[in-house]
Amino acid sequence: MVFDKKLHEFAISPDGAFLAFFENRGNKKVLETTSLGDGRTVKTFTIDDQTPALNKIAWMPDGKGLV
């Protein structure tokens, strides 16, 4: 699979099935999770301007969520 995005901060899930990354879309910052198997977007979260700066992504050890 090839991503056409320049990713600065990302994390691969413990089982290697998913990729989580931050991306700038216009003036919004989003956190997206993508399946590495088929490239589909699993979930996208828009980061509110009022949210403290988020710079790091990590998966929970069981791979069921992000911290």
C-alpha atoms as a PDB file:
ATOM      1  CA  MET A   1       0.000   0.000   0.000  1.00  0.00           C
ATOM      2  CA  VAL A   2       1.233   3.486  -0.857  1.00  0.00           C
ATOM      3  CA  PHE A   3       0.077   6.603   0.947  1.00  0.00           C
ATOM      4  CA  ASP A   4       0.244   9.847  -0.984  1.00  0.00           C
ATOM      5  CA  LYS A   5       0.531  11.842   2.224  1.00  0.00           C
ATOM      6  CA  LYS A   6       3.539  13.209   4.037  1.00  0.00           C
ATOM      7  CA  LEU A   7       3.018  11.929   7.568  1.00  0.00           C
ATOM      8  CA  HIS A   8       5.011  13.455  10.392  1.00  0.00           C
ATOM      9  CA  GLU A   9       3.302  11.766  13.312  1.00  0.00           C
ATOM     10  CA  PHE A  10       1.773   8.328  13.009  1.00  0.00           C
ATOM     11  CA  ALA A  11       1.459   5.028  14.855  1.00  0.00           C
ATOM     12  CA  ILE A  12       0.863   1.481  13.655  1.00  0.00           C
ATOM     13  CA  SER A  13      -1.455  -0.645  15.783  1.00  0.00           C
ATOM     14  CA  PRO A  14       0.151  -3.483  17.794  1.00  0.00           C
ATOM     15  CA  ASP A  15      -1.308  -6.105  15.434  1.00  0.00           C
ATOM     16  CA  GLY A  16      -0.091  -4.198  12.361  1.00  0.00           C
ATOM     17  CA  ALA A  17      -3.611  -3.860  10.946  1.00  0.00           C
ATOM     18  CA  PHE A  18      -4.175  -0.094  11.312  1.00  0.00           C
ATOM     19  CA  LEU A  19      -2.386   3.210  10.918  1.00  0.00           C
ATOM     20  CA  ALA A  20      -3.319   6.312  12.931  1.00  0.00           C
ATOM     21  CA  PHE A  21      -2.031   9.702  11.835  1.00  0.00           C
ATOM     22  CA  PHE A  22      -2.559  13.440  12.082  1.00  0.00           C
ATOM     23  CA  GLU A  23      -3.257  15.391   8.907  1.00  0.00           C
ATOM     24  CA  ASN A  24      -3.944  19.045   8.124  1.00  0.00           C
ATOM     25  CA  ARG A  25      -7.001  19.561   5.933  1.00  0.00           C
ATOM     26  CA  GLY A  26      -7.248  23.214   5.119  1.00  0.00           C
ATOM     27  CA  ASN A  27      -7.334  25.004   8.443  1.00  0.00           C
ATOM     28  CA  LYS A  28      -8.444  21.899  10.371  1.00  0.00           C
ATOM     29  CA  LYS A  29      -6.323  19.206  11.965  1.00  0.00           C
ATOM     30  CA  VAL A  30      -7.712  15.674  11.865  1.00  0.00           C
ATOM     31  CA  LEU A  31      -6.752  12.360  13.408  1.00  0.00           C
ATOM     32  CA  GLU A  32      -7.495   9.493  11.046  1.00  0.00           C
ATOM     33  CA  THR A  33      -7.281   5.731  11.415  1.00  0.00           C
ATOM     34  CA  THR A  34      -6.821   3.689   8.260  1.00  0.00           C
ATOM     35  CA  SER A  35      -6.819  -0.037   7.564  1.00  0.00           C
ATOM     36  CA  LEU A  36      -3.436  -1.165   6.274  1.00  0.00           C
ATOM     37  CA  GLY A  37      -5.096  -4.183   4.663  1.00  0.00           C
ATOM     38  CA  ASP A  38      -7.305  -2.359   2.197  1.00  0.00           C
ATOM     39  CA  GLY A  39      -6.526   1.352   2.702  1.00  0.00           C
ATOM     40  CA  ARG A  40     -10.026   2.305   3.802  1.00  0.00           C
ATOM     41  CA  THR A  41     -10.539   5.058   6.358  1.00  0.00           C
ATOM     42  CA  VAL A  42     -11.887   3.533   9.551  1.00  0.00           C
ATOM     43  CA  LYS A  43     -12.509   6.674  11.596  1.00  0.00           C
ATOM     44  CA  THR A  44     -11.750  10.387  11.345  1.00  0.00           C
ATOM     45  CA  PHE A  45     -11.732  12.829  14.251  1.00  0.00           C
ATOM     46  CA  THR A  46     -11.622  16.596  13.771  1.00  0.00           C
ATOM     47  CA  ILE A  47      -9.375  18.260  16.336  1.00  0.00           C
ATOM     48  CA  ASP A  48     -11.060  21.324  17.820  1.00  0.00           C
ATOM     49  CA  ASP A  49      -9.075  24.566  17.948  1.00  0.00           C
ATOM     50  CA  GLN A  50      -9.754  24.675  21.699  1.00  0.00           C
ATOM     51  CA  THR A  51      -8.121  21.276  22.242  1.00  0.00           C
ATOM     52  CA  PRO A  52      -4.607  21.482  23.693  1.00  0.00           C
ATOM     53  CA  ALA A  53      -1.945  20.698  21.116  1.00  0.00           C
ATOM     54  CA  LEU A  54      -1.871  17.004  20.256  1.00  0.00           C
ATOM     55  CA  ASN A  55       1.462  15.910  18.851  1.00  0.00           C
ATOM     56  CA  LYS A  56       1.873  12.259  19.768  1.00  0.00           C
ATOM     57  CA  ILE A  57      -0.161   9.192  18.876  1.00  0.00           C
ATOM     58  CA  ALA A  58       0.060   5.808  20.588  1.00  0.00           C
ATOM     59  CA  TRP A  59      -2.107   2.722  20.493  1.00  0.00           C
ATOM     60  CA  MET A  60      -3.293   1.041  23.659  1.00  0.00           C
ATOM     61  CA  PRO A  61      -1.442  -2.268  24.139  1.00  0.00           C
ATOM     62  CA  ASP A  62      -4.563  -4.255  23.178  1.00  0.00           C
ATOM     63  CA  GLY A  63      -4.908  -2.207  19.950  1.00  0.00           C
ATOM     64  CA  LYS A  64      -8.519  -1.267  20.688  1.00  0.00           C
ATOM     65  CA  GLY A  65      -7.966   2.460  21.036  1.00  0.00           C
ATOM     66  CA  LEU A  66      -5.577   5.386  20.951  1.00  0.00           C
ATOM     67  CA  VAL A  67      -4.020   7.279  23.819  1.00  0.00           C
END
